Amino acid sequence: MSNDDQFLRSGCPIANALDIYGDKWTLIILRDLVCGKETYSELADSPEKIPSNRLAERLKMLEAQEMLIKELYQEKPKRYKYLLTQKGRDTLPVLQAMARWGNQYVEDTWVPPEWFMKA
C-alpha cells in the first residue's frame, strides 16, 4: 500500500502507526533487521518462527511503506536482501522502549545493554 493509497482512519498518529505496526509480526521483523538480519532465510529462522506466508506479506507491506528496500544479491536463483531505510531505522527508539518495558515488567526477558546503544 503506497502512502497515496493509505486510508487514514483518523488524525491520531497512534491509530495510524498501529495500521502499520499493530500485528503480531511486523515489530519482530523490524527488530531482526535492526539486529543485522538481511535475507529471507535469516528472517524466517527467528525463534518466533513466523509463518512464511506472513513473512512475505509483511516484507511486501514494509517495502510499500518505504520502511525497507529489497535488493537483489543473487541472480540465479533470484535472492534478495532486505535493508532498512531511514524511515525503518527510525523505529529503533520505539523498539528500544518496548524492550526496556519488557525487561522491567515481563519475567524471564532480557535484552543485552549494548542493544540500547544502537543508533
N, C-alpha and C. Protein backbone atom coordinates (compact mmCIF):
# COMPACT_ATOMS: atom_id res chain seq x y z
N MET A 1 0.86 -1.16 0.00
CA MET A 1 0.00 0.00 0.00
C MET A 1 0.90 1.22 0.00
N SER A 2 0.76 2.05 -0.98
CA SER A 2 1.56 3.26 -1.03
C SER A 2 0.96 4.30 -0.11
N ASN A 3 1.75 5.31 0.22
CA ASN A 3 1.25 6.37 1.07
C ASN A 3 0.06 7.06 0.42
N ASP A 4 0.03 7.13 -0.94
CA ASP A 4 -1.08 7.76 -1.64
C ASP A 4 -2.38 6.98 -1.47
N ASP A 5 -2.26 5.65 -1.37
CA ASP A 5 -3.44 4.79 -1.28
C ASP A 5 -3.90 4.57 0.16
N GLN A 6 -3.10 5.00 1.12
CA GLN A 6 -3.38 4.70 2.51
C GLN A 6 -4.62 5.44 3.00
N PHE A 7 -5.49 4.72 3.64
CA PHE A 7 -6.68 5.30 4.24
C PHE A 7 -6.35 5.61 5.70
N LEU A 8 -6.45 6.87 6.09
CA LEU A 8 -6.23 7.25 7.47
C LEU A 8 -7.56 7.19 8.20
N ARG A 9 -7.66 6.35 9.20
CA ARG A 9 -8.93 6.22 9.89
C ARG A 9 -9.23 7.37 10.82
N SER A 10 -8.20 8.14 11.17
CA SER A 10 -8.39 9.35 11.96
C SER A 10 -7.12 10.17 11.86
N GLY A 11 -7.08 11.30 12.53
CA GLY A 11 -5.88 12.12 12.57
C GLY A 11 -4.93 11.69 13.67
N CYS A 12 -5.26 10.64 14.40
CA CYS A 12 -4.44 10.19 15.52
C CYS A 12 -3.21 9.44 15.02
N PRO A 13 -2.00 9.90 15.37
CA PRO A 13 -0.79 9.21 14.90
C PRO A 13 -0.64 7.81 15.47
N ILE A 14 -1.16 7.57 16.68
CA ILE A 14 -1.07 6.23 17.26
C ILE A 14 -1.93 5.26 16.46
N ALA A 15 -3.16 5.64 16.15
CA ALA A 15 -4.04 4.77 15.37
C ALA A 15 -3.43 4.45 14.02
N ASN A 16 -2.83 5.44 13.38
CA ASN A 16 -2.26 5.22 12.06
C ASN A 16 -0.96 4.42 12.11
N ALA A 17 -0.17 4.62 13.15
CA ALA A 17 1.03 3.80 13.32
C ALA A 17 0.63 2.34 13.56
N LEU A 18 -0.45 2.13 14.31
CA LEU A 18 -0.91 0.76 14.55
C LEU A 18 -1.35 0.07 13.27
N ASP A 19 -1.80 0.83 12.28
CA ASP A 19 -2.14 0.22 11.00
C ASP A 19 -0.91 -0.40 10.34
N ILE A 20 0.24 0.09 10.68
CA ILE A 20 1.50 -0.47 10.15
C ILE A 20 2.06 -1.50 11.12
N TYR A 21 2.19 -1.14 12.40
CA TYR A 21 2.89 -1.98 13.38
C TYR A 21 2.00 -2.90 14.18
N GLY A 22 0.69 -2.77 14.09
CA GLY A 22 -0.19 -3.40 15.05
C GLY A 22 -0.51 -4.86 14.81
N ASP A 23 0.35 -5.60 14.19
CA ASP A 23 0.10 -7.04 14.05
C ASP A 23 1.16 -7.80 14.84
N LYS A 24 1.04 -9.08 14.83
CA LYS A 24 1.90 -9.95 15.64
C LYS A 24 3.35 -9.99 15.15
N TRP A 25 3.62 -9.65 13.89
CA TRP A 25 4.92 -9.94 13.30
C TRP A 25 5.77 -8.74 12.89
N THR A 26 5.19 -7.63 12.58
CA THR A 26 5.95 -6.53 11.97
C THR A 26 7.09 -6.04 12.86
N LEU A 27 6.84 -5.85 14.14
CA LEU A 27 7.90 -5.37 15.02
C LEU A 27 9.01 -6.40 15.19
N ILE A 28 8.66 -7.69 15.11
CA ILE A 28 9.68 -8.75 15.18
C ILE A 28 10.58 -8.66 13.95
N ILE A 29 10.00 -8.46 12.79
CA ILE A 29 10.79 -8.32 11.56
C ILE A 29 11.68 -7.09 11.65
N LEU A 30 11.13 -5.98 12.11
CA LEU A 30 11.94 -4.77 12.26
C LEU A 30 13.07 -4.99 13.27
N ARG A 31 12.78 -5.66 14.37
CA ARG A 31 13.82 -5.99 15.35
C ARG A 31 14.95 -6.77 14.69
N ASP A 32 14.59 -7.79 13.92
CA ASP A 32 15.61 -8.62 13.28
C ASP A 32 16.43 -7.84 12.27
N LEU A 33 15.77 -6.96 11.51
CA LEU A 33 16.51 -6.14 10.55
C LEU A 33 17.45 -5.19 11.26
N VAL A 34 17.00 -4.59 12.35
CA VAL A 34 17.87 -3.71 13.15
C VAL A 34 19.07 -4.48 13.68
N CYS A 35 18.84 -5.73 14.04
CA CYS A 35 19.91 -6.56 14.60
C CYS A 35 20.82 -7.18 13.54
N GLY A 36 20.61 -6.85 12.27
CA GLY A 36 21.56 -7.27 11.24
C GLY A 36 21.10 -8.38 10.32
N LYS A 37 19.94 -8.97 10.55
CA LYS A 37 19.48 -9.97 9.60
C LYS A 37 19.09 -9.26 8.31
N GLU A 38 19.34 -9.92 7.17
CA GLU A 38 19.06 -9.29 5.88
C GLU A 38 18.30 -10.17 4.92
N THR A 39 18.48 -11.46 4.98
CA THR A 39 17.89 -12.34 3.98
C THR A 39 16.59 -12.96 4.49
N TYR A 40 15.80 -13.43 3.54
CA TYR A 40 14.52 -14.07 3.87
C TYR A 40 14.76 -15.25 4.81
N SER A 41 15.76 -16.07 4.50
CA SER A 41 16.00 -17.24 5.34
C SER A 41 16.46 -16.85 6.75
N GLU A 42 17.23 -15.79 6.88
CA GLU A 42 17.62 -15.32 8.21
C GLU A 42 16.40 -14.85 9.00
N LEU A 43 15.52 -14.13 8.33
CA LEU A 43 14.31 -13.64 8.98
C LEU A 43 13.38 -14.80 9.35
N ALA A 44 13.27 -15.78 8.47
CA ALA A 44 12.41 -16.93 8.72
C ALA A 44 12.94 -17.80 9.86
N ASP A 45 14.24 -17.70 10.13
CA ASP A 45 14.88 -18.53 11.15
C ASP A 45 14.82 -17.93 12.55
N SER A 46 14.08 -16.87 12.74
CA SER A 46 13.96 -16.26 14.06
C SER A 46 13.29 -17.21 15.03
N PRO A 47 13.57 -17.09 16.32
CA PRO A 47 12.99 -18.03 17.29
C PRO A 47 11.47 -18.00 17.36
N GLU A 48 10.86 -16.90 16.94
CA GLU A 48 9.40 -16.82 16.97
C GLU A 48 8.72 -17.61 15.85
N LYS A 49 9.50 -18.05 14.87
CA LYS A 49 9.01 -18.92 13.78
C LYS A 49 7.83 -18.33 13.03
N ILE A 50 8.02 -17.17 12.45
CA ILE A 50 6.98 -16.54 11.64
C ILE A 50 6.64 -17.43 10.44
N PRO A 51 5.37 -17.68 10.20
CA PRO A 51 4.99 -18.47 9.02
C PRO A 51 5.47 -17.78 7.74
N SER A 52 5.90 -18.54 6.76
CA SER A 52 6.49 -17.98 5.55
C SER A 52 5.53 -17.07 4.79
N ASN A 53 4.24 -17.42 4.76
CA ASN A 53 3.30 -16.55 4.06
C ASN A 53 3.16 -15.20 4.77
N ARG A 54 3.19 -15.20 6.09
CA ARG A 54 3.11 -13.95 6.85
C ARG A 54 4.38 -13.12 6.66
N LEU A 55 5.52 -13.78 6.66
CA LEU A 55 6.78 -13.07 6.45
C LEU A 55 6.79 -12.38 5.10
N ALA A 56 6.37 -13.09 4.06
CA ALA A 56 6.32 -12.50 2.72
C ALA A 56 5.37 -11.31 2.68
N GLU A 57 4.19 -11.46 3.29
CA GLU A 57 3.22 -10.36 3.33
C GLU A 57 3.78 -9.14 4.04
N ARG A 58 4.38 -9.36 5.20
CA ARG A 58 4.88 -8.23 5.99
C ARG A 58 6.06 -7.55 5.30
N LEU A 59 6.92 -8.31 4.65
CA LEU A 59 8.03 -7.70 3.92
C LEU A 59 7.51 -6.82 2.78
N LYS A 60 6.50 -7.31 2.06
CA LYS A 60 5.89 -6.50 0.99
C LYS A 60 5.27 -5.23 1.54
N MET A 61 4.58 -5.35 2.68
CA MET A 61 3.96 -4.19 3.29
C MET A 61 5.01 -3.18 3.74
N LEU A 62 6.07 -3.65 4.38
CA LEU A 62 7.13 -2.75 4.84
C LEU A 62 7.84 -2.07 3.66
N GLU A 63 7.97 -2.79 2.56
CA GLU A 63 8.54 -2.18 1.36
C GLU A 63 7.58 -1.13 0.80
N ALA A 64 6.30 -1.43 0.75
CA ALA A 64 5.31 -0.47 0.25
C ALA A 64 5.25 0.78 1.13
N GLN A 65 5.49 0.60 2.42
CA GLN A 65 5.50 1.72 3.36
C GLN A 65 6.85 2.46 3.36
N GLU A 66 7.75 2.02 2.50
CA GLU A 66 9.08 2.62 2.35
C GLU A 66 9.90 2.53 3.64
N MET A 67 9.70 1.44 4.38
CA MET A 67 10.47 1.22 5.59
C MET A 67 11.67 0.31 5.34
N LEU A 68 11.62 -0.39 4.21
CA LEU A 68 12.76 -1.19 3.79
C LEU A 68 12.82 -1.20 2.28
N ILE A 69 14.00 -1.57 1.79
CA ILE A 69 14.15 -1.78 0.35
C ILE A 69 14.60 -3.23 0.15
N LYS A 70 14.21 -3.77 -0.98
CA LYS A 70 14.57 -5.13 -1.37
C LYS A 70 15.64 -5.00 -2.43
N GLU A 71 16.79 -5.63 -2.19
CA GLU A 71 17.93 -5.51 -3.10
C GLU A 71 18.38 -6.90 -3.56
N LEU A 72 18.47 -7.07 -4.86
CA LEU A 72 18.91 -8.35 -5.43
C LEU A 72 20.38 -8.58 -5.09
N TYR A 73 20.71 -9.74 -4.53
CA TYR A 73 22.11 -10.06 -4.26
C TYR A 73 22.57 -11.32 -4.98
N GLN A 74 21.63 -12.06 -5.58
CA GLN A 74 21.97 -13.27 -6.34
C GLN A 74 21.01 -13.38 -7.50
N GLU A 75 21.55 -13.62 -8.69
CA GLU A 75 20.72 -13.64 -9.90
C GLU A 75 20.03 -14.98 -10.12
N LYS A 76 20.75 -16.11 -9.97
CA LYS A 76 20.19 -17.43 -10.25
C LYS A 76 20.43 -18.37 -9.08
N PRO A 77 19.42 -18.78 -8.38
CA PRO A 77 18.06 -18.23 -8.41
C PRO A 77 18.06 -16.84 -7.78
N LYS A 78 17.04 -16.08 -8.11
CA LYS A 78 16.96 -14.71 -7.58
C LYS A 78 16.80 -14.76 -6.07
N ARG A 79 17.67 -14.01 -5.42
CA ARG A 79 17.63 -13.90 -3.97
C ARG A 79 17.81 -12.43 -3.61
N TYR A 80 17.07 -12.02 -2.60
CA TYR A 80 17.07 -10.62 -2.21
C TYR A 80 17.50 -10.47 -0.76
N LYS A 81 18.05 -9.30 -0.47
CA LYS A 81 18.26 -8.94 0.92
C LYS A 81 17.38 -7.73 1.20
N TYR A 82 17.04 -7.57 2.46
CA TYR A 82 16.12 -6.53 2.89
C TYR A 82 16.88 -5.56 3.79
N LEU A 83 16.85 -4.29 3.42
CA LEU A 83 17.61 -3.28 4.13
C LEU A 83 16.68 -2.18 4.60
N LEU A 84 16.85 -1.78 5.84
CA LEU A 84 16.01 -0.71 6.38
C LEU A 84 16.35 0.62 5.72
N THR A 85 15.34 1.39 5.44
CA THR A 85 15.52 2.77 5.00
C THR A 85 15.65 3.62 6.27
N GLN A 86 15.86 4.90 6.09
CA GLN A 86 15.90 5.78 7.27
C GLN A 86 14.58 5.72 8.02
N LYS A 87 13.49 5.68 7.29
CA LYS A 87 12.17 5.59 7.92
C LYS A 87 12.08 4.32 8.78
N GLY A 88 12.60 3.22 8.28
CA GLY A 88 12.61 1.98 9.05
C GLY A 88 13.55 2.04 10.24
N ARG A 89 14.74 2.61 10.03
CA ARG A 89 15.70 2.74 11.14
C ARG A 89 15.16 3.65 12.24
N ASP A 90 14.30 4.58 11.88
CA ASP A 90 13.74 5.49 12.87
C ASP A 90 12.77 4.80 13.82
N THR A 91 12.49 3.52 13.61
CA THR A 91 11.67 2.77 14.57
C THR A 91 12.51 2.26 15.74
N LEU A 92 13.83 2.39 15.66
CA LEU A 92 14.69 1.87 16.72
C LEU A 92 14.31 2.39 18.11
N PRO A 93 14.08 3.68 18.31
CA PRO A 93 13.70 4.11 19.67
C PRO A 93 12.40 3.47 20.17
N VAL A 94 11.48 3.20 19.27
CA VAL A 94 10.23 2.52 19.66
C VAL A 94 10.55 1.10 20.12
N LEU A 95 11.38 0.39 19.35
CA LEU A 95 11.76 -0.97 19.71
C LEU A 95 12.52 -0.99 21.03
N GLN A 96 13.42 -0.03 21.22
CA GLN A 96 14.20 0.04 22.46
C GLN A 96 13.28 0.30 23.66
N ALA A 97 12.32 1.20 23.49
CA ALA A 97 11.39 1.49 24.59
C ALA A 97 10.58 0.25 24.94
N MET A 98 10.13 -0.48 23.94
CA MET A 98 9.37 -1.71 24.20
C MET A 98 10.24 -2.74 24.90
N ALA A 99 11.50 -2.84 24.49
CA ALA A 99 12.42 -3.80 25.12
C ALA A 99 12.68 -3.42 26.57
N ARG A 100 12.87 -2.14 26.85
CA ARG A 100 13.06 -1.69 28.23
C ARG A 100 11.83 -2.06 29.09
N TRP A 101 10.66 -1.78 28.55
CA TRP A 101 9.43 -2.09 29.27
C TRP A 101 9.35 -3.60 29.54
N GLY A 102 9.61 -4.40 28.49
CA GLY A 102 9.57 -5.86 28.65
C GLY A 102 10.59 -6.36 29.66
N ASN A 103 11.80 -5.79 29.62
CA ASN A 103 12.83 -6.19 30.59
C ASN A 103 12.37 -5.90 32.02
N GLN A 104 11.68 -4.80 32.20
CA GLN A 104 11.26 -4.40 33.54
C GLN A 104 10.04 -5.16 34.04
N TYR A 105 9.09 -5.45 33.15
CA TYR A 105 7.81 -5.96 33.61
C TYR A 105 7.45 -7.39 33.18
N VAL A 106 8.19 -7.97 32.27
CA VAL A 106 7.87 -9.32 31.82
C VAL A 106 8.96 -10.27 32.30
N GLU A 107 8.57 -11.20 33.12
CA GLU A 107 9.52 -12.13 33.71
C GLU A 107 10.24 -12.95 32.63
N ASP A 108 11.50 -13.23 32.89
CA ASP A 108 12.34 -14.07 32.03
C ASP A 108 12.62 -13.46 30.66
N THR A 109 12.61 -12.12 30.57
CA THR A 109 13.04 -11.48 29.33
C THR A 109 14.33 -10.72 29.61
N TRP A 110 15.13 -10.55 28.55
CA TRP A 110 16.39 -9.85 28.72
C TRP A 110 16.90 -9.44 27.35
N VAL A 111 17.34 -8.21 27.27
CA VAL A 111 17.99 -7.70 26.06
C VAL A 111 19.35 -7.19 26.51
N PRO A 112 20.42 -7.55 25.80
CA PRO A 112 21.74 -7.07 26.21
C PRO A 112 21.80 -5.54 26.20
N PRO A 113 22.48 -4.96 27.19
CA PRO A 113 22.55 -3.49 27.27
C PRO A 113 23.09 -2.83 26.01
N GLU A 114 23.99 -3.49 25.29
CA GLU A 114 24.55 -2.87 24.09
C GLU A 114 23.51 -2.67 22.99
N TRP A 115 22.42 -3.42 23.05
CA TRP A 115 21.35 -3.23 22.06
C TRP A 115 20.75 -1.84 22.17
N PHE A 116 20.76 -1.31 23.40
CA PHE A 116 20.21 0.02 23.61
C PHE A 116 21.16 1.12 23.13
N MET A 117 22.40 0.73 22.82
CA MET A 117 23.38 1.71 22.36
C MET A 117 23.32 1.90 20.84
N LYS A 118 22.60 1.05 20.15
CA LYS A 118 22.49 1.18 18.69
C LYS A 118 21.94 2.54 18.34
N ALA A 119 22.43 3.05 17.22
CA ALA A 119 21.94 4.38 16.78
C ALA A 119 21.28 4.28 15.44
